[in-house]
Amino acid sequence: MICSLHESLLLQHDPQLQLVRWQWNGPLSLLRFQMALERLLLFSRQYKIRQWLVDISQMPPLGNDEQAWVSQRWVAQFARIGVSNLALMLPDDLHNQLAMEHILDSGRCYTQLNVQFFADFPAALDWLSKTPEDVQRLEKEWFVAANTAPQPSIQNLSLDKLLD
């Protein structure tokens, strides 16, 4: 299933693989960034997601405020949702790659997360999936969604549930 969880996130969910693939879209501001990542946590908790494929390759450079918020507040919440595998697409921007490495280092005390960096989606999906057919199915779904009309939005997510 492909959907828009927040105006800045395009999301693909595969319940069988307990997988979420997400891509950042559009400009970056602290509030927009916080809201999107909080909704992503809530979605992952509600749907018992255990694997993330993260595409921040086109994300604008992360500012100091975004990095500090993720490292100091968000990472601890992320650790509680139970994601065990994190596949990261290498950012085009060296600044974001270094920022992501710093964030991952700051989160090591919270979780035993398997992290791999990838240069292409098929390799990342291969690492996260069970069969080559899963890779092909997910790539086809993503390609079709990326080249068609805007995706449906998930509206019933309450940020209050993040505070449990």
N, C-alpha and C. Protein backbone atom coordinates (compact mmCIF):
# COMPACT_ATOMS: atom_id res chain seq x y z
N MET A 1 0.84 -1.17 0.00
CA MET A 1 0.00 0.00 0.00
C MET A 1 0.89 1.24 0.00
N ILE A 2 0.57 2.19 -0.83
CA ILE A 2 1.26 3.47 -0.89
C ILE A 2 0.30 4.54 -0.37
N CYS A 3 0.80 5.42 0.47
CA CYS A 3 -0.05 6.50 0.98
C CYS A 3 0.82 7.69 1.37
N SER A 4 0.15 8.77 1.70
CA SER A 4 0.82 9.95 2.21
C SER A 4 0.46 10.05 3.68
N LEU A 5 1.44 9.89 4.55
CA LEU A 5 1.22 9.93 5.98
C LEU A 5 1.24 11.37 6.49
N HIS A 6 1.94 12.20 5.80
CA HIS A 6 2.11 13.61 6.12
C HIS A 6 2.48 14.26 4.80
N GLU A 7 2.25 15.55 4.68
CA GLU A 7 2.54 16.21 3.41
C GLU A 7 3.99 16.06 2.96
N SER A 8 4.89 15.73 3.88
CA SER A 8 6.31 15.59 3.54
C SER A 8 6.76 14.15 3.35
N LEU A 9 5.87 13.20 3.57
CA LEU A 9 6.26 11.80 3.49
C LEU A 9 5.42 11.03 2.49
N LEU A 10 6.10 10.30 1.62
CA LEU A 10 5.45 9.30 0.80
C LEU A 10 5.81 7.97 1.42
N LEU A 11 4.81 7.14 1.67
CA LEU A 11 5.02 5.94 2.47
C LEU A 11 4.51 4.70 1.73
N GLN A 12 5.26 3.62 1.84
CA GLN A 12 4.85 2.31 1.34
C GLN A 12 4.84 1.36 2.52
N HIS A 13 3.72 0.66 2.68
CA HIS A 13 3.58 -0.27 3.80
C HIS A 13 3.34 -1.67 3.27
N ASP A 14 4.10 -2.63 3.78
CA ASP A 14 3.88 -4.03 3.45
C ASP A 14 3.68 -4.80 4.75
N PRO A 15 2.44 -5.17 5.08
CA PRO A 15 2.17 -5.85 6.35
C PRO A 15 2.88 -7.19 6.48
N GLN A 16 2.99 -7.94 5.39
CA GLN A 16 3.64 -9.25 5.43
C GLN A 16 5.08 -9.15 5.91
N LEU A 17 5.78 -8.18 5.41
CA LEU A 17 7.19 -8.00 5.77
C LEU A 17 7.38 -7.07 6.97
N GLN A 18 6.26 -6.55 7.50
CA GLN A 18 6.30 -5.58 8.59
C GLN A 18 7.25 -4.43 8.21
N LEU A 19 7.06 -3.94 7.01
CA LEU A 19 7.97 -3.00 6.38
C LEU A 19 7.30 -1.67 6.07
N VAL A 20 8.02 -0.60 6.32
CA VAL A 20 7.64 0.72 5.85
C VAL A 20 8.81 1.28 5.06
N ARG A 21 8.50 1.76 3.88
CA ARG A 21 9.47 2.48 3.05
C ARG A 21 8.96 3.91 2.99
N TRP A 22 9.82 4.85 3.32
CA TRP A 22 9.38 6.24 3.25
C TRP A 22 10.42 7.13 2.60
N GLN A 23 9.88 8.17 1.99
CA GLN A 23 10.71 9.13 1.26
C GLN A 23 10.27 10.53 1.65
N TRP A 24 11.27 11.37 1.92
CA TRP A 24 10.98 12.76 2.24
C TRP A 24 10.69 13.51 0.96
N ASN A 25 9.64 14.35 1.00
CA ASN A 25 9.27 15.18 -0.15
C ASN A 25 9.12 16.62 0.30
N GLY A 26 9.63 17.53 -0.49
CA GLY A 26 9.40 18.95 -0.24
C GLY A 26 10.40 19.61 0.67
N PRO A 27 10.07 20.84 1.05
CA PRO A 27 10.98 21.65 1.88
C PRO A 27 11.06 21.11 3.31
N LEU A 28 12.00 21.67 4.04
CA LEU A 28 12.25 21.20 5.41
C LEU A 28 12.15 22.38 6.36
N SER A 29 11.36 22.21 7.39
CA SER A 29 11.32 23.14 8.52
C SER A 29 11.25 22.29 9.78
N LEU A 30 11.63 22.85 10.90
CA LEU A 30 11.64 22.06 12.14
C LEU A 30 10.26 21.51 12.45
N LEU A 31 9.24 22.31 12.39
CA LEU A 31 7.89 21.85 12.71
C LEU A 31 7.42 20.77 11.74
N ARG A 32 7.62 20.99 10.47
CA ARG A 32 7.23 20.01 9.45
C ARG A 32 7.97 18.69 9.68
N PHE A 33 9.24 18.78 9.97
CA PHE A 33 10.09 17.61 10.22
C PHE A 33 9.60 16.86 11.46
N GLN A 34 9.35 17.57 12.55
CA GLN A 34 8.89 16.93 13.78
C GLN A 34 7.55 16.24 13.59
N MET A 35 6.62 16.93 12.97
CA MET A 35 5.29 16.34 12.76
C MET A 35 5.36 15.08 11.90
N ALA A 36 6.12 15.13 10.84
CA ALA A 36 6.23 13.98 9.95
C ALA A 36 6.85 12.79 10.67
N LEU A 37 7.93 13.01 11.39
CA LEU A 37 8.59 11.89 12.06
C LEU A 37 7.77 11.35 13.23
N GLU A 38 7.01 12.21 13.89
CA GLU A 38 6.12 11.72 14.95
C GLU A 38 5.00 10.87 14.38
N ARG A 39 4.45 11.28 13.26
CA ARG A 39 3.41 10.47 12.61
C ARG A 39 3.98 9.14 12.13
N LEU A 40 5.19 9.16 11.68
CA LEU A 40 5.84 7.93 11.25
C LEU A 40 6.01 6.95 12.41
N LEU A 41 6.38 7.47 13.57
CA LEU A 41 6.46 6.62 14.76
C LEU A 41 5.11 6.03 15.12
N LEU A 42 4.10 6.85 15.11
CA LEU A 42 2.76 6.38 15.45
C LEU A 42 2.29 5.31 14.48
N PHE A 43 2.48 5.56 13.19
CA PHE A 43 2.11 4.57 12.18
C PHE A 43 2.85 3.25 12.43
N SER A 44 4.14 3.34 12.69
CA SER A 44 4.95 2.14 12.91
C SER A 44 4.50 1.37 14.14
N ARG A 45 4.12 2.10 15.17
CA ARG A 45 3.62 1.44 16.38
C ARG A 45 2.28 0.78 16.11
N GLN A 46 1.37 1.48 15.46
CA GLN A 46 0.03 0.95 15.21
C GLN A 46 0.05 -0.29 14.33
N TYR A 47 0.96 -0.31 13.36
CA TYR A 47 1.00 -1.42 12.41
C TYR A 47 2.13 -2.41 12.68
N LYS A 48 2.75 -2.31 13.85
CA LYS A 48 3.79 -3.24 14.30
C LYS A 48 4.91 -3.40 13.25
N ILE A 49 5.40 -2.27 12.80
CA ILE A 49 6.45 -2.25 11.80
C ILE A 49 7.77 -2.64 12.45
N ARG A 50 8.53 -3.52 11.79
CA ARG A 50 9.82 -3.96 12.30
C ARG A 50 10.97 -3.60 11.37
N GLN A 51 10.63 -3.11 10.16
CA GLN A 51 11.67 -2.79 9.18
C GLN A 51 11.35 -1.46 8.52
N TRP A 52 12.38 -0.62 8.42
CA TRP A 52 12.24 0.66 7.75
C TRP A 52 13.22 0.72 6.59
N LEU A 53 12.73 1.21 5.46
CA LEU A 53 13.59 1.58 4.34
C LEU A 53 13.42 3.08 4.17
N VAL A 54 14.48 3.83 4.44
CA VAL A 54 14.41 5.28 4.51
C VAL A 54 15.16 5.91 3.35
N ASP A 55 14.43 6.73 2.60
CA ASP A 55 15.05 7.46 1.50
C ASP A 55 15.09 8.94 1.85
N ILE A 56 16.26 9.38 2.29
CA ILE A 56 16.45 10.80 2.56
C ILE A 56 17.40 11.39 1.51
N SER A 57 17.52 10.69 0.40
CA SER A 57 18.49 11.12 -0.61
C SER A 57 18.19 12.51 -1.14
N GLN A 58 16.93 12.89 -1.20
CA GLN A 58 16.56 14.21 -1.73
C GLN A 58 16.14 15.19 -0.64
N MET A 59 16.33 14.80 0.62
CA MET A 59 15.94 15.68 1.72
C MET A 59 16.87 16.89 1.76
N PRO A 60 16.29 18.07 1.96
CA PRO A 60 17.14 19.26 2.12
C PRO A 60 18.07 19.06 3.33
N PRO A 61 19.17 19.79 3.39
CA PRO A 61 20.11 19.63 4.50
C PRO A 61 19.44 19.80 5.86
N LEU A 62 19.73 18.86 6.75
CA LEU A 62 19.20 18.94 8.12
C LEU A 62 19.92 20.04 8.88
N GLY A 63 19.14 20.89 9.53
CA GLY A 63 19.72 21.96 10.34
C GLY A 63 20.10 21.46 11.73
N ASN A 64 20.77 22.30 12.47
CA ASN A 64 21.16 21.94 13.83
C ASN A 64 19.96 21.64 14.72
N ASP A 65 18.87 22.39 14.55
CA ASP A 65 17.68 22.17 15.36
C ASP A 65 17.06 20.80 15.08
N GLU A 66 16.98 20.41 13.82
CA GLU A 66 16.43 19.10 13.46
C GLU A 66 17.31 17.98 14.01
N GLN A 67 18.62 18.13 13.85
CA GLN A 67 19.54 17.11 14.35
C GLN A 67 19.45 16.96 15.87
N ALA A 68 19.40 18.10 16.56
CA ALA A 68 19.33 18.06 18.03
C ALA A 68 18.03 17.42 18.48
N TRP A 69 16.92 17.79 17.86
CA TRP A 69 15.62 17.22 18.23
C TRP A 69 15.61 15.70 18.04
N VAL A 70 16.10 15.24 16.89
CA VAL A 70 16.13 13.80 16.63
C VAL A 70 17.01 13.09 17.66
N SER A 71 18.20 13.60 17.87
CA SER A 71 19.15 12.95 18.80
C SER A 71 18.67 12.98 20.24
N GLN A 72 18.10 14.09 20.66
CA GLN A 72 17.76 14.25 22.08
C GLN A 72 16.36 13.75 22.44
N ARG A 73 15.42 13.76 21.50
CA ARG A 73 14.04 13.41 21.84
C ARG A 73 13.49 12.25 21.05
N TRP A 74 13.68 12.28 19.74
CA TRP A 74 13.00 11.34 18.87
C TRP A 74 13.59 9.93 18.92
N VAL A 75 14.90 9.83 19.01
CA VAL A 75 15.56 8.52 18.96
C VAL A 75 15.06 7.60 20.07
N ALA A 76 14.86 8.13 21.26
CA ALA A 76 14.37 7.30 22.37
C ALA A 76 12.96 6.77 22.07
N GLN A 77 12.12 7.59 21.46
CA GLN A 77 10.78 7.13 21.08
C GLN A 77 10.87 6.07 19.98
N PHE A 78 11.75 6.30 19.03
CA PHE A 78 11.95 5.34 17.94
C PHE A 78 12.35 3.97 18.50
N ALA A 79 13.22 3.96 19.48
CA ALA A 79 13.70 2.69 20.06
C ALA A 79 12.55 1.89 20.67
N ARG A 80 11.54 2.56 21.18
CA ARG A 80 10.43 1.87 21.84
C ARG A 80 9.45 1.22 20.86
N ILE A 81 9.48 1.56 19.59
CA ILE A 81 8.50 0.97 18.67
C ILE A 81 8.92 -0.40 18.15
N GLY A 82 10.19 -0.78 18.32
CA GLY A 82 10.61 -2.14 17.99
C GLY A 82 11.11 -2.38 16.59
N VAL A 83 11.50 -1.34 15.88
CA VAL A 83 12.09 -1.55 14.56
C VAL A 83 13.45 -2.23 14.75
N SER A 84 13.68 -3.31 14.01
CA SER A 84 14.93 -4.05 14.17
C SER A 84 15.89 -3.87 12.99
N ASN A 85 15.36 -3.58 11.80
CA ASN A 85 16.19 -3.39 10.60
C ASN A 85 15.92 -2.03 9.98
N LEU A 86 17.01 -1.32 9.71
CA LEU A 86 16.91 0.01 9.11
C LEU A 86 17.83 0.06 7.90
N ALA A 87 17.22 0.19 6.73
CA ALA A 87 17.97 0.34 5.49
C ALA A 87 17.90 1.80 5.09
N LEU A 88 19.04 2.43 4.91
CA LEU A 88 19.12 3.85 4.57
C LEU A 88 19.71 4.03 3.19
N MET A 89 18.99 4.79 2.37
CA MET A 89 19.54 5.16 1.08
C MET A 89 20.56 6.26 1.32
N LEU A 90 21.71 6.13 0.73
CA LEU A 90 22.75 7.14 0.90
C LEU A 90 22.26 8.50 0.43
N PRO A 91 22.34 9.50 1.28
CA PRO A 91 21.91 10.84 0.87
C PRO A 91 22.84 11.40 -0.20
N ASP A 92 22.27 12.21 -1.10
CA ASP A 92 23.08 12.90 -2.10
C ASP A 92 23.98 13.93 -1.44
N ASP A 93 23.52 14.45 -0.33
CA ASP A 93 24.20 15.52 0.39
C ASP A 93 25.12 14.94 1.46
N LEU A 94 26.42 15.24 1.39
CA LEU A 94 27.37 14.73 2.38
C LEU A 94 27.01 15.21 3.78
N HIS A 95 26.52 16.44 3.89
CA HIS A 95 26.10 16.96 5.19
C HIS A 95 25.05 16.05 5.83
N ASN A 96 24.04 15.64 5.06
CA ASN A 96 22.99 14.77 5.61
C ASN A 96 23.52 13.38 5.95
N GLN A 97 24.48 12.90 5.18
CA GLN A 97 25.07 11.60 5.50
C GLN A 97 25.79 11.67 6.85
N LEU A 98 26.56 12.71 7.06
CA LEU A 98 27.26 12.87 8.34
C LEU A 98 26.26 13.09 9.48
N ALA A 99 25.22 13.86 9.23
CA ALA A 99 24.18 14.08 10.24
C ALA A 99 23.51 12.77 10.62
N MET A 100 23.19 11.94 9.61
CA MET A 100 22.54 10.66 9.87
C MET A 100 23.46 9.73 10.68
N GLU A 101 24.74 9.72 10.35
CA GLU A 101 25.68 8.90 11.11
C GLU A 101 25.76 9.36 12.56
N HIS A 102 25.74 10.67 12.78
CA HIS A 102 25.75 11.21 14.14
C HIS A 102 24.48 10.80 14.91
N ILE A 103 23.33 10.90 14.24
CA ILE A 103 22.07 10.51 14.87
C ILE A 103 22.07 9.03 15.21
N LEU A 104 22.56 8.20 14.31
CA LEU A 104 22.63 6.76 14.58
C LEU A 104 23.56 6.47 15.76
N ASP A 105 24.68 7.16 15.82
CA ASP A 105 25.60 6.99 16.95
C ASP A 105 24.93 7.38 18.26
N SER A 106 24.17 8.47 18.25
CA SER A 106 23.51 8.92 19.48
C SER A 106 22.42 7.95 19.91
N GLY A 107 21.88 7.17 18.99
CA GLY A 107 20.81 6.24 19.32
C GLY A 107 21.26 4.85 19.71
N ARG A 108 22.54 4.57 19.61
CA ARG A 108 23.04 3.23 19.93
C ARG A 108 22.76 2.82 21.37
N CYS A 109 22.68 3.78 22.27
CA CYS A 109 22.42 3.45 23.67
C CYS A 109 20.97 3.05 23.91
N TYR A 110 20.08 3.30 22.96
CA TYR A 110 18.66 3.00 23.12
C TYR A 110 18.23 1.69 22.47
N THR A 111 18.93 1.26 21.44
CA THR A 111 18.42 0.14 20.66
C THR A 111 19.54 -0.67 20.02
N GLN A 112 19.24 -1.92 19.76
CA GLN A 112 20.13 -2.82 19.02
C GLN A 112 19.59 -2.92 17.60
N LEU A 113 19.81 -1.91 16.83
CA LEU A 113 19.26 -1.79 15.49
C LEU A 113 20.27 -2.26 14.45
N ASN A 114 19.81 -3.10 13.52
CA ASN A 114 20.64 -3.48 12.39
C ASN A 114 20.50 -2.40 11.33
N VAL A 115 21.60 -1.72 11.01
CA VAL A 115 21.58 -0.61 10.05
C VAL A 115 22.50 -0.93 8.89
N GLN A 116 21.99 -0.68 7.68
CA GLN A 116 22.78 -0.84 6.46
C GLN A 116 22.52 0.37 5.57
N PHE A 117 23.57 0.86 4.93
CA PHE A 117 23.46 1.94 3.95
C PHE A 117 23.47 1.32 2.56
N PHE A 118 22.64 1.87 1.66
CA PHE A 118 22.52 1.34 0.30
C PHE A 118 22.56 2.47 -0.71
N ALA A 119 23.03 2.13 -1.91
CA ALA A 119 23.06 3.09 -3.01
C ALA A 119 21.86 2.91 -3.93
N ASP A 120 21.16 1.75 -3.85
CA ASP A 120 19.99 1.53 -4.69
C ASP A 120 18.92 0.75 -3.95
N PHE A 121 17.68 0.99 -4.36
CA PHE A 121 16.53 0.39 -3.70
C PHE A 121 16.45 -1.13 -3.81
N PRO A 122 16.70 -1.72 -4.98
CA PRO A 122 16.61 -3.17 -5.05
C PRO A 122 17.53 -3.88 -4.05
N ALA A 123 18.72 -3.36 -3.85
CA ALA A 123 19.64 -3.97 -2.88
C ALA A 123 19.08 -3.83 -1.46
N ALA A 124 18.54 -2.66 -1.15
CA ALA A 124 17.96 -2.45 0.18
C ALA A 124 16.76 -3.36 0.39
N LEU A 125 15.89 -3.44 -0.60
CA LEU A 125 14.72 -4.31 -0.48
C LEU A 125 15.11 -5.77 -0.39
N ASP A 126 16.16 -6.15 -1.09
CA ASP A 126 16.64 -7.53 -1.02
C ASP A 126 17.07 -7.86 0.41
N TRP A 127 17.73 -6.92 1.07
CA TRP A 127 18.17 -7.13 2.45
C TRP A 127 16.97 -7.25 3.40
N LEU A 128 15.90 -6.53 3.13
CA LEU A 128 14.74 -6.50 4.02
C LEU A 128 13.67 -7.54 3.71
N SER A 129 13.71 -8.11 2.52
CA SER A 129 12.61 -8.98 2.11
C SER A 129 13.01 -10.45 2.18
N LYS A 130 12.04 -11.28 1.88
CA LYS A 130 12.25 -12.72 1.97
C LYS A 130 12.54 -13.36 0.62
N THR A 131 12.02 -12.75 -0.45
CA THR A 131 12.16 -13.35 -1.78
C THR A 131 12.40 -12.29 -2.84
N PRO A 132 12.97 -12.69 -3.97
CA PRO A 132 13.10 -11.76 -5.10
C PRO A 132 11.74 -11.25 -5.59
N GLU A 133 10.71 -12.08 -5.43
CA GLU A 133 9.36 -11.66 -5.83
C GLU A 133 8.87 -10.49 -4.98
N ASP A 134 9.22 -10.51 -3.68
CA ASP A 134 8.87 -9.38 -2.81
C ASP A 134 9.51 -8.09 -3.33
N VAL A 135 10.77 -8.19 -3.69
CA VAL A 135 11.50 -7.02 -4.20
C VAL A 135 10.81 -6.48 -5.44
N GLN A 136 10.50 -7.36 -6.38
CA GLN A 136 9.86 -6.94 -7.63
C GLN A 136 8.48 -6.34 -7.38
N ARG A 137 7.71 -6.97 -6.51
CA ARG A 137 6.36 -6.48 -6.20
C ARG A 137 6.41 -5.09 -5.57
N LEU A 138 7.28 -4.90 -4.60
CA LEU A 138 7.39 -3.62 -3.92
C LEU A 138 7.92 -2.52 -4.85
N GLU A 139 8.89 -2.86 -5.65
CA GLU A 139 9.43 -1.87 -6.60
C GLU A 139 8.38 -1.46 -7.63
N LYS A 140 7.61 -2.43 -8.12
CA LYS A 140 6.57 -2.12 -9.10
C LYS A 140 5.51 -1.22 -8.47
N GLU A 141 5.07 -1.54 -7.26
CA GLU A 141 4.07 -0.73 -6.58
C GLU A 141 4.57 0.71 -6.38
N TRP A 142 5.83 0.84 -5.97
CA TRP A 142 6.42 2.17 -5.75
C TRP A 142 6.51 2.94 -7.06
N PHE A 143 6.97 2.29 -8.11
CA PHE A 143 7.12 2.94 -9.41
C PHE A 143 5.78 3.44 -9.93
N VAL A 144 4.77 2.60 -9.85
CA VAL A 144 3.44 2.98 -10.32
C VAL A 144 2.93 4.18 -9.52
N ALA A 145 3.08 4.14 -8.21
CA ALA A 145 2.60 5.23 -7.35
C ALA A 145 3.35 6.53 -7.62
N ALA A 146 4.64 6.44 -7.84
CA ALA A 146 5.45 7.63 -8.06
C ALA A 146 5.13 8.30 -9.39
N ASN A 147 4.53 7.55 -10.31
CA ASN A 147 4.24 8.08 -11.64
C ASN A 147 2.75 8.26 -11.91
N THR A 148 1.94 8.33 -10.85
CA THR A 148 0.50 8.52 -11.00
C THR A 148 0.03 9.66 -10.10
N ALA A 149 -1.25 9.71 -9.87
CA ALA A 149 -1.88 10.78 -9.08
C ALA A 149 -1.41 10.75 -7.62
N PRO A 150 -1.65 11.84 -6.90
CA PRO A 150 -1.29 11.89 -5.48
C PRO A 150 -1.92 10.74 -4.70
N GLN A 151 -1.23 10.32 -3.66
CA GLN A 151 -1.65 9.16 -2.88
C GLN A 151 -2.64 9.55 -1.79
N PRO A 152 -3.49 8.58 -1.39
CA PRO A 152 -4.43 8.88 -0.31
C PRO A 152 -3.67 9.18 0.97
N SER A 153 -4.29 9.98 1.81
CA SER A 153 -3.69 10.38 3.07
C SER A 153 -4.29 9.56 4.19
N ILE A 154 -3.51 9.26 5.19
CA ILE A 154 -4.01 8.59 6.38
C ILE A 154 -4.35 9.69 7.37
N GLN A 155 -5.61 9.82 7.72
CA GLN A 155 -6.06 10.94 8.54
C GLN A 155 -6.31 10.58 9.99
N ASN A 156 -6.42 9.31 10.35
CA ASN A 156 -6.85 8.95 11.68
C ASN A 156 -5.72 8.74 12.68
N LEU A 157 -4.57 9.30 12.43
CA LEU A 157 -3.47 9.14 13.35
C LEU A 157 -3.44 10.30 14.34
N SER A 158 -3.50 9.97 15.60
CA SER A 158 -3.48 11.00 16.64
C SER A 158 -2.10 11.07 17.27
N LEU A 159 -1.52 12.27 17.27
CA LEU A 159 -0.20 12.44 17.86
C LEU A 159 -0.24 12.26 19.37
N ASP A 160 -1.42 12.37 19.99
CA ASP A 160 -1.51 12.17 21.43
C ASP A 160 -1.10 10.75 21.83
N LYS A 161 -1.30 9.79 20.94
CA LYS A 161 -0.95 8.41 21.23
C LYS A 161 0.55 8.21 21.36
N LEU A 162 1.33 9.14 20.86
CA LEU A 162 2.78 9.04 20.98
C LEU A 162 3.25 9.21 22.42
N LEU A 163 2.43 9.81 23.25
CA LEU A 163 2.85 10.15 24.60
C LEU A 163 2.57 9.04 25.61
N ASP A 164 2.15 7.85 25.16
CA ASP A 164 1.79 6.79 26.10
C ASP A 164 2.92 6.31 26.98
